[in-house]
Amino acid sequence: MESIQINPLTVECTLFFQENPYTFETLSGLGTRLGRKPEDLRPVLDELVTNTILEIMGTGDNAIYRYNQPKSVDMNGLMI
């Protein structure tokens, strides 16, 4: 059986955006809020964007990240 490696910083960032779903934040702003270095956050945020957990608007240091809320599916399989 294959073991799964979970990055605590990935969990922290995911939970932050999940608990604050309407937050729009830059890399440095998120670093301030979480007490983390932006250079430590960048690869984590890139991974969350790749996995469609976060959306990114813009590029570079001025890029803004936001939570990509999962779509709900009703009992008939229709997107809500």
PDB file of N, CA and C in Angstrom:
ATOM      1  N   MET A   1       0.840  -1.177   0.000  1.00  0.00           N
ATOM      2  CA  MET A   1       0.000   0.000   0.000  1.00  0.00           C
ATOM      3  C   MET A   1       0.886   1.241   0.000  1.00  0.00           C
ATOM      4  N   GLU A   2       0.519   2.210  -0.762  1.00  0.00           N
ATOM      5  CA  GLU A   2       1.292   3.437  -0.910  1.00  0.00           C
ATOM      6  C   GLU A   2       0.911   4.441   0.178  1.00  0.00           C
ATOM      7  N   SER A   3       1.935   5.034   0.814  1.00  0.00           N
ATOM      8  CA  SER A   3       1.617   6.039   1.838  1.00  0.00           C
ATOM      9  C   SER A   3       1.450   7.409   1.189  1.00  0.00           C
ATOM     10  N   ILE A   4       0.572   8.190   1.759  1.00  0.00           N
ATOM     11  CA  ILE A   4       0.288   9.523   1.238  1.00  0.00           C
ATOM     12  C   ILE A   4       1.000  10.536   2.113  1.00  0.00           C
ATOM     13  N   GLN A   5       1.750  11.424   1.475  1.00  0.00           N
ATOM     14  CA  GLN A   5       2.444  12.497   2.179  1.00  0.00           C
ATOM     15  C   GLN A   5       1.565  13.738   2.160  1.00  0.00           C
ATOM     16  N   ILE A   6       1.253  14.265   3.337  1.00  0.00           N
ATOM     17  CA  ILE A   6       0.439  15.471   3.428  1.00  0.00           C
ATOM     18  C   ILE A   6       1.310  16.596   3.966  1.00  0.00           C
ATOM     19  N   ASN A   7       1.370  17.674   3.201  1.00  0.00           N
ATOM     20  CA  ASN A   7       2.140  18.839   3.595  1.00  0.00           C
ATOM     21  C   ASN A   7       1.287  19.682   4.545  1.00  0.00           C
ATOM     22  N   PRO A   8       1.739  19.884   5.787  1.00  0.00           N
ATOM     23  CA  PRO A   8       0.946  20.675   6.732  1.00  0.00           C
ATOM     24  C   PRO A   8       0.645  22.095   6.237  1.00  0.00           C
ATOM     25  N   LEU A   9       1.557  22.683   5.482  1.00  0.00           N
ATOM     26  CA  LEU A   9       1.324  24.031   4.967  1.00  0.00           C
ATOM     27  C   LEU A   9       0.217  24.027   3.904  1.00  0.00           C
ATOM     28  N   THR A  10       0.135  22.959   3.137  1.00  0.00           N
ATOM     29  CA  THR A  10      -0.951  22.819   2.164  1.00  0.00           C
ATOM     30  C   THR A  10      -2.293  22.756   2.885  1.00  0.00           C
ATOM     31  N   VAL A  11      -2.342  21.989   3.958  1.00  0.00           N
ATOM     32  CA  VAL A  11      -3.567  21.876   4.751  1.00  0.00           C
ATOM     33  C   VAL A  11      -3.920  23.231   5.356  1.00  0.00           C
ATOM     34  N   GLU A  12      -2.922  23.929   5.892  1.00  0.00           N
ATOM     35  CA  GLU A  12      -3.156  25.241   6.513  1.00  0.00           C
ATOM     36  C   GLU A  12      -3.728  26.238   5.509  1.00  0.00           C
ATOM     37  N   CYS A  13      -3.147  26.284   4.314  1.00  0.00           N
ATOM     38  CA  CYS A  13      -3.635  27.211   3.282  1.00  0.00           C
ATOM     39  C   CYS A  13      -5.035  26.832   2.814  1.00  0.00           C
ATOM     40  N   THR A  14      -5.263  25.548   2.612  1.00  0.00           N
ATOM     41  CA  THR A  14      -6.581  25.088   2.178  1.00  0.00           C
ATOM     42  C   THR A  14      -7.636  25.443   3.211  1.00  0.00           C
ATOM     43  N   LEU A  15      -7.349  25.172   4.474  1.00  0.00           N
ATOM     44  CA  LEU A  15      -8.311  25.487   5.534  1.00  0.00           C
ATOM     45  C   LEU A  15      -8.546  26.983   5.658  1.00  0.00           C
ATOM     46  N   PHE A  16      -7.491  27.783   5.496  1.00  0.00           N
ATOM     47  CA  PHE A  16      -7.659  29.230   5.568  1.00  0.00           C
ATOM     48  C   PHE A  16      -8.673  29.702   4.527  1.00  0.00           C
ATOM     49  N   PHE A  17      -8.481  29.272   3.288  1.00  0.00           N
ATOM     50  CA  PHE A  17      -9.385  29.722   2.223  1.00  0.00           C
ATOM     51  C   PHE A  17     -10.771  29.095   2.366  1.00  0.00           C
ATOM     52  N   GLN A  18     -10.847  27.871   2.843  1.00  0.00           N
ATOM     53  CA  GLN A  18     -12.144  27.233   3.034  1.00  0.00           C
ATOM     54  C   GLN A  18     -12.937  27.938   4.136  1.00  0.00           C
ATOM     55  N   GLU A  19     -12.262  28.355   5.186  1.00  0.00           N
ATOM     56  CA  GLU A  19     -12.928  29.049   6.290  1.00  0.00           C
ATOM     57  C   GLU A  19     -13.199  30.519   5.972  1.00  0.00           C
ATOM     58  N   ASN A  20     -12.529  31.046   4.960  1.00  0.00           N
ATOM     59  CA  ASN A  20     -12.701  32.438   4.517  1.00  0.00           C
ATOM     60  C   ASN A  20     -12.960  32.430   3.010  1.00  0.00           C
ATOM     61  N   PRO A  21     -14.087  31.864   2.570  1.00  0.00           N
ATOM     62  CA  PRO A  21     -14.296  31.600   1.147  1.00  0.00           C
ATOM     63  C   PRO A  21     -14.398  32.828   0.260  1.00  0.00           C
ATOM     64  N   TYR A  22     -14.617  33.993   0.827  1.00  0.00           N
ATOM     65  CA  TYR A  22     -14.744  35.205   0.009  1.00  0.00           C
ATOM     66  C   TYR A  22     -13.483  36.064   0.050  1.00  0.00           C
ATOM     67  N   THR A  23     -12.402  35.507   0.590  1.00  0.00           N
ATOM     68  CA  THR A  23     -11.140  36.227   0.688  1.00  0.00           C
ATOM     69  C   THR A  23     -10.431  36.255  -0.659  1.00  0.00           C
ATOM     70  N   PHE A  24      -9.925  37.418  -1.009  1.00  0.00           N
ATOM     71  CA  PHE A  24      -9.046  37.605  -2.162  1.00  0.00           C
ATOM     72  C   PHE A  24      -7.722  38.070  -1.572  1.00  0.00           C
ATOM     73  N   GLU A  25      -6.629  37.333  -1.804  1.00  0.00           N
ATOM     74  CA  GLU A  25      -5.382  37.660  -1.119  1.00  0.00           C
ATOM     75  C   GLU A  25      -4.174  37.458  -2.025  1.00  0.00           C
ATOM     76  N   THR A  26      -3.198  38.348  -1.865  1.00  0.00           N
ATOM     77  CA  THR A  26      -1.918  38.203  -2.561  1.00  0.00           C
ATOM     78  C   THR A  26      -1.028  37.258  -1.772  1.00  0.00           C
ATOM     79  N   LEU A  27       0.062  36.878  -2.381  1.00  0.00           N
ATOM     80  CA  LEU A  27       1.032  36.005  -1.725  1.00  0.00           C
ATOM     81  C   LEU A  27       1.567  36.648  -0.451  1.00  0.00           C
ATOM     82  N   SER A  28       1.971  37.901  -0.525  1.00  0.00           N
ATOM     83  CA  SER A  28       2.517  38.562   0.667  1.00  0.00           C
ATOM     84  C   SER A  28       1.441  38.788   1.721  1.00  0.00           C
ATOM     85  N   GLY A  29       0.219  39.100   1.283  1.00  0.00           N
ATOM     86  CA  GLY A  29      -0.878  39.283   2.227  1.00  0.00           C
ATOM     87  C   GLY A  29      -1.207  37.997   2.966  1.00  0.00           C
ATOM     88  N   LEU A  30      -1.206  36.891   2.238  1.00  0.00           N
ATOM     89  CA  LEU A  30      -1.459  35.604   2.866  1.00  0.00           C
ATOM     90  C   LEU A  30      -0.331  35.252   3.830  1.00  0.00           C
ATOM     91  N   GLY A  31       0.895  35.566   3.434  1.00  0.00           N
ATOM     92  CA  GLY A  31       2.035  35.340   4.325  1.00  0.00           C
ATOM     93  C   GLY A  31       1.888  36.090   5.631  1.00  0.00           C
ATOM     94  N   THR A  32       1.429  37.324   5.557  1.00  0.00           N
ATOM     95  CA  THR A  32       1.200  38.124   6.766  1.00  0.00           C
ATOM     96  C   THR A  32       0.108  37.505   7.619  1.00  0.00           C
ATOM     97  N   ARG A  33      -0.997  37.121   6.989  1.00  0.00           N
ATOM     98  CA  ARG A  33      -2.117  36.542   7.740  1.00  0.00           C
ATOM     99  C   ARG A  33      -1.752  35.233   8.430  1.00  0.00           C
ATOM    100  N   LEU A  34      -0.942  34.411   7.747  1.00  0.00           N
ATOM    101  CA  LEU A  34      -0.596  33.100   8.290  1.00  0.00           C
ATOM    102  C   LEU A  34       0.715  33.099   9.073  1.00  0.00           C
ATOM    103  N   GLY A  35       1.441  34.225   9.024  1.00  0.00           N
ATOM    104  CA  GLY A  35       2.742  34.275   9.695  1.00  0.00           C
ATOM    105  C   GLY A  35       3.768  33.384   9.007  1.00  0.00           C
ATOM    106  N   ARG A  36       3.693  33.329   7.673  1.00  0.00           N
ATOM    107  CA  ARG A  36       4.575  32.473   6.871  1.00  0.00           C
ATOM    108  C   ARG A  36       5.347  33.312   5.869  1.00  0.00           C
ATOM    109  N   LYS A  37       6.467  32.799   5.416  1.00  0.00           N
ATOM    110  CA  LYS A  37       7.270  33.481   4.397  1.00  0.00           C
ATOM    111  C   LYS A  37       6.643  33.239   3.023  1.00  0.00           C
ATOM    112  N   PRO A  38       6.525  34.306   2.227  1.00  0.00           N
ATOM    113  CA  PRO A  38       5.959  34.136   0.878  1.00  0.00           C
ATOM    114  C   PRO A  38       6.684  33.077   0.050  1.00  0.00           C
ATOM    115  N   GLU A  39       7.991  32.972   0.185  1.00  0.00           N
ATOM    116  CA  GLU A  39       8.740  31.978  -0.601  1.00  0.00           C
ATOM    117  C   GLU A  39       8.380  30.542  -0.200  1.00  0.00           C
ATOM    118  N   ASP A  40       7.898  30.351   1.038  1.00  0.00           N
ATOM    119  CA  ASP A  40       7.430  29.030   1.459  1.00  0.00           C
ATOM    120  C   ASP A  40       6.020  28.756   0.949  1.00  0.00           C
ATOM    121  N   LEU A  41       5.239  29.818   0.793  1.00  0.00           N
ATOM    122  CA  LEU A  41       3.850  29.679   0.354  1.00  0.00           C
ATOM    123  C   LEU A  41       3.708  29.482  -1.152  1.00  0.00           C
ATOM    124  N   ARG A  42       4.602  30.088  -1.929  1.00  0.00           N
ATOM    125  CA  ARG A  42       4.445  30.081  -3.393  1.00  0.00           C
ATOM    126  C   ARG A  42       4.259  28.675  -3.973  1.00  0.00           C
ATOM    127  N   PRO A  43       5.117  27.699  -3.655  1.00  0.00           N
ATOM    128  CA  PRO A  43       4.904  26.371  -4.258  1.00  0.00           C
ATOM    129  C   PRO A  43       3.609  25.702  -3.789  1.00  0.00           C
ATOM    130  N   VAL A  44       3.214  25.979  -2.576  1.00  0.00           N
ATOM    131  CA  VAL A  44       1.965  25.423  -2.045  1.00  0.00           C
ATOM    132  C   VAL A  44       0.774  26.019  -2.794  1.00  0.00           C
ATOM    133  N   LEU A  45       0.771  27.339  -2.974  1.00  0.00           N
ATOM    134  CA  LEU A  45      -0.327  27.980  -3.697  1.00  0.00           C
ATOM    135  C   LEU A  45      -0.367  27.535  -5.148  1.00  0.00           C
ATOM    136  N   ASP A  46       0.816  27.364  -5.758  1.00  0.00           N
ATOM    137  CA  ASP A  46       0.859  26.871  -7.142  1.00  0.00           C
ATOM    138  C   ASP A  46       0.224  25.491  -7.238  1.00  0.00           C
ATOM    139  N   GLU A  47       0.509  24.634  -6.259  1.00  0.00           N
ATOM    140  CA  GLU A  47      -0.077  23.297  -6.237  1.00  0.00           C
ATOM    141  C   GLU A  47      -1.597  23.360  -6.061  1.00  0.00           C
ATOM    142  N   LEU A  48      -2.063  24.247  -5.187  1.00  0.00           N
ATOM    143  CA  LEU A  48      -3.504  24.382  -4.967  1.00  0.00           C
ATOM    144  C   LEU A  48      -4.212  24.931  -6.203  1.00  0.00           C
ATOM    145  N   VAL A  49      -3.547  25.799  -6.947  1.00  0.00           N
ATOM    146  CA  VAL A  49      -4.107  26.300  -8.210  1.00  0.00           C
ATOM    147  C   VAL A  49      -4.161  25.160  -9.231  1.00  0.00           C
ATOM    148  N   THR A  50      -3.089  24.385  -9.325  1.00  0.00           N
ATOM    149  CA  THR A  50      -3.045  23.251 -10.249  1.00  0.00           C
ATOM    150  C   THR A  50      -4.149  22.247  -9.943  1.00  0.00           C
ATOM    151  N   ASN A  51      -4.431  22.052  -8.662  1.00  0.00           N
ATOM    152  CA  ASN A  51      -5.463  21.100  -8.244  1.00  0.00           C
ATOM    153  C   ASN A  51      -6.857  21.723  -8.182  1.00  0.00           C
ATOM    154  N   THR A  52      -6.997  22.938  -8.689  1.00  0.00           N
ATOM    155  CA  THR A  52      -8.254  23.712  -8.777  1.00  0.00           C
ATOM    156  C   THR A  52      -8.923  23.962  -7.432  1.00  0.00           C
ATOM    157  N   ILE A  53      -8.143  23.966  -6.369  1.00  0.00           N
ATOM    158  CA  ILE A  53      -8.673  24.337  -5.058  1.00  0.00           C
ATOM    159  C   ILE A  53      -8.701  25.856  -4.945  1.00  0.00           C
ATOM    160  N   LEU A  54      -7.698  26.508  -5.546  1.00  0.00           N
ATOM    161  CA  LEU A  54      -7.651  27.971  -5.598  1.00  0.00           C
ATOM    162  C   LEU A  54      -7.681  28.425  -7.040  1.00  0.00           C
ATOM    163  N   GLU A  55      -8.156  29.641  -7.237  1.00  0.00           N
ATOM    164  CA  GLU A  55      -8.061  30.328  -8.529  1.00  0.00           C
ATOM    165  C   GLU A  55      -7.044  31.434  -8.370  1.00  0.00           C
ATOM    166  N   ILE A  56      -6.360  31.772  -9.449  1.00  0.00           N
ATOM    167  CA  ILE A  56      -5.399  32.869  -9.433  1.00  0.00           C
ATOM    168  C   ILE A  56      -5.807  33.881 -10.487  1.00  0.00           C
ATOM    169  N   MET A  57      -5.720  35.153 -10.099  1.00  0.00           N
ATOM    170  CA  MET A  57      -6.012  36.247 -11.025  1.00  0.00           C
ATOM    171  C   MET A  57      -4.764  37.105 -11.097  1.00  0.00           C
ATOM    172  N   GLY A  58      -4.231  37.284 -12.272  1.00  0.00           N
ATOM    173  CA  GLY A  58      -3.014  38.065 -12.438  1.00  0.00           C
ATOM    174  C   GLY A  58      -1.784  37.179 -12.368  1.00  0.00           C
ATOM    175  N   THR A  59      -0.625  37.852 -12.383  1.00  0.00           N
ATOM    176  CA  THR A  59       0.645  37.126 -12.368  1.00  0.00           C
ATOM    177  C   THR A  59       1.635  37.806 -11.444  1.00  0.00           C
ATOM    178  N   GLY A  60       2.686  37.096 -11.135  1.00  0.00           N
ATOM    179  CA  GLY A  60       3.774  37.668 -10.341  1.00  0.00           C
ATOM    180  C   GLY A  60       3.359  37.999  -8.922  1.00  0.00           C
ATOM    181  N   ASP A  61       4.033  38.989  -8.351  1.00  0.00           N
ATOM    182  CA  ASP A  61       3.794  39.373  -6.962  1.00  0.00           C
ATOM    183  C   ASP A  61       2.428  40.010  -6.742  1.00  0.00           C
ATOM    184  N   ASN A  62       1.802  40.487  -7.810  1.00  0.00           N
ATOM    185  CA  ASN A  62       0.484  41.110  -7.680  1.00  0.00           C
ATOM    186  C   ASN A  62      -0.664  40.135  -7.921  1.00  0.00           C
ATOM    187  N   ALA A  63      -0.351  38.863  -8.134  1.00  0.00           N
ATOM    188  CA  ALA A  63      -1.393  37.864  -8.355  1.00  0.00           C
ATOM    189  C   ALA A  63      -2.274  37.755  -7.119  1.00  0.00           C
ATOM    190  N   ILE A  64      -3.536  37.539  -7.356  1.00  0.00           N
ATOM    191  CA  ILE A  64      -4.513  37.421  -6.268  1.00  0.00           C
ATOM    192  C   ILE A  64      -5.086  36.006  -6.288  1.00  0.00           C
ATOM    193  N   TYR A  65      -5.120  35.400  -5.113  1.00  0.00           N
ATOM    194  CA  TYR A  65      -5.629  34.041  -4.948  1.00  0.00           C
ATOM    195  C   TYR A  65      -6.995  34.085  -4.270  1.00  0.00           C
ATOM    196  N   ARG A  66      -7.857  33.163  -4.675  1.00  0.00           N
ATOM    197  CA  ARG A  66      -9.152  33.031  -4.032  1.00  0.00           C
ATOM    198  C   ARG A  66      -9.577  31.575  -4.053  1.00  0.00           C
ATOM    199  N   TYR A  67     -10.459  31.239  -3.141  1.00  0.00           N
ATOM    200  CA  TYR A  67     -10.959  29.875  -3.005  1.00  0.00           C
ATOM    201  C   TYR A  67     -11.896  29.547  -4.149  1.00  0.00           C
ATOM    202  N   ASN A  68     -11.745  28.374  -4.708  1.00  0.00           N
ATOM    203  CA  ASN A  68     -12.614  27.889  -5.770  1.00  0.00           C
ATOM    204  C   ASN A  68     -13.618  26.949  -5.118  1.00  0.00           C
ATOM    205  N   GLN A  69     -14.774  27.465  -4.754  1.00  0.00           N
ATOM    206  CA  GLN A  69     -15.765  26.672  -4.040  1.00  0.00           C
ATOM    207  C   GLN A  69     -16.252  25.517  -4.910  1.00  0.00           C
ATOM    208  N   PRO A  70     -16.296  24.321  -4.325  1.00  0.00           N
ATOM    209  CA  PRO A  70     -16.779  23.171  -5.096  1.00  0.00           C
ATOM    210  C   PRO A  70     -18.225  23.376  -5.521  1.00  0.00           C
ATOM    211  N   LYS A  71     -18.547  22.868  -6.687  1.00  0.00           N
ATOM    212  CA  LYS A  71     -19.922  22.931  -7.182  1.00  0.00           C
ATOM    213  C   LYS A  71     -20.745  21.882  -6.458  1.00  0.00           C
ATOM    214  N   SER A  72     -21.971  22.222  -6.152  1.00  0.00           N
ATOM    215  CA  SER A  72     -22.892  21.270  -5.519  1.00  0.00           C
ATOM    216  C   SER A  72     -23.630  20.492  -6.598  1.00  0.00           C
ATOM    217  N   VAL A  73     -23.919  19.249  -6.307  1.00  0.00           N
ATOM    218  CA  VAL A  73     -24.685  18.416  -7.228  1.00  0.00           C
ATOM    219  C   VAL A  73     -25.943  17.971  -6.504  1.00  0.00           C
ATOM    220  N   ASP A  74     -27.098  18.195  -7.127  1.00  0.00           N
ATOM    221  CA  ASP A  74     -28.347  17.756  -6.493  1.00  0.00           C
ATOM    222  C   ASP A  74     -28.540  16.250  -6.751  1.00  0.00           C
ATOM    223  N   MET A  75     -29.581  15.686  -6.227  1.00  0.00           N
ATOM    224  CA  MET A  75     -29.819  14.243  -6.294  1.00  0.00           C
ATOM    225  C   MET A  75     -30.045  13.749  -7.721  1.00  0.00           C
ATOM    226  N   ASN A  76     -30.383  14.645  -8.652  1.00  0.00           N
ATOM    227  CA  ASN A  76     -30.591  14.259 -10.051  1.00  0.00           C
ATOM    228  C   ASN A  76     -29.325  14.410 -10.870  1.00  0.00           C
ATOM    229  N   GLY A  77     -28.219  14.747 -10.217  1.00  0.00           N
ATOM    230  CA  GLY A  77     -26.955  14.882 -10.913  1.00  0.00           C
ATOM    231  C   GLY A  77     -26.772  16.215 -11.607  1.00  0.00           C
ATOM    232  N   LEU A  78     -27.621  17.191 -11.316  1.00  0.00           N
ATOM    233  CA  LEU A  78     -27.525  18.514 -11.926  1.00  0.00           C
ATOM    234  C   LEU A  78     -26.674  19.427 -11.072  1.00  0.00           C
ATOM    235  N   MET A  79     -25.865  20.242 -11.710  1.00  0.00           N
ATOM    236  CA  MET A  79     -25.032  21.211 -10.989  1.00  0.00           C
ATOM    237  C   MET A  79     -25.910  22.327 -10.444  1.00  0.00           C
ATOM    238  N   ILE A  80     -25.655  22.693  -9.226  1.00  0.00           N
ATOM    239  CA  ILE A  80     -26.406  23.782  -8.592  1.00  0.00           C
ATOM    240  C   ILE A  80     -25.529  25.014  -8.550  1.00  0.00           C
TER     241      ILE A  80
END
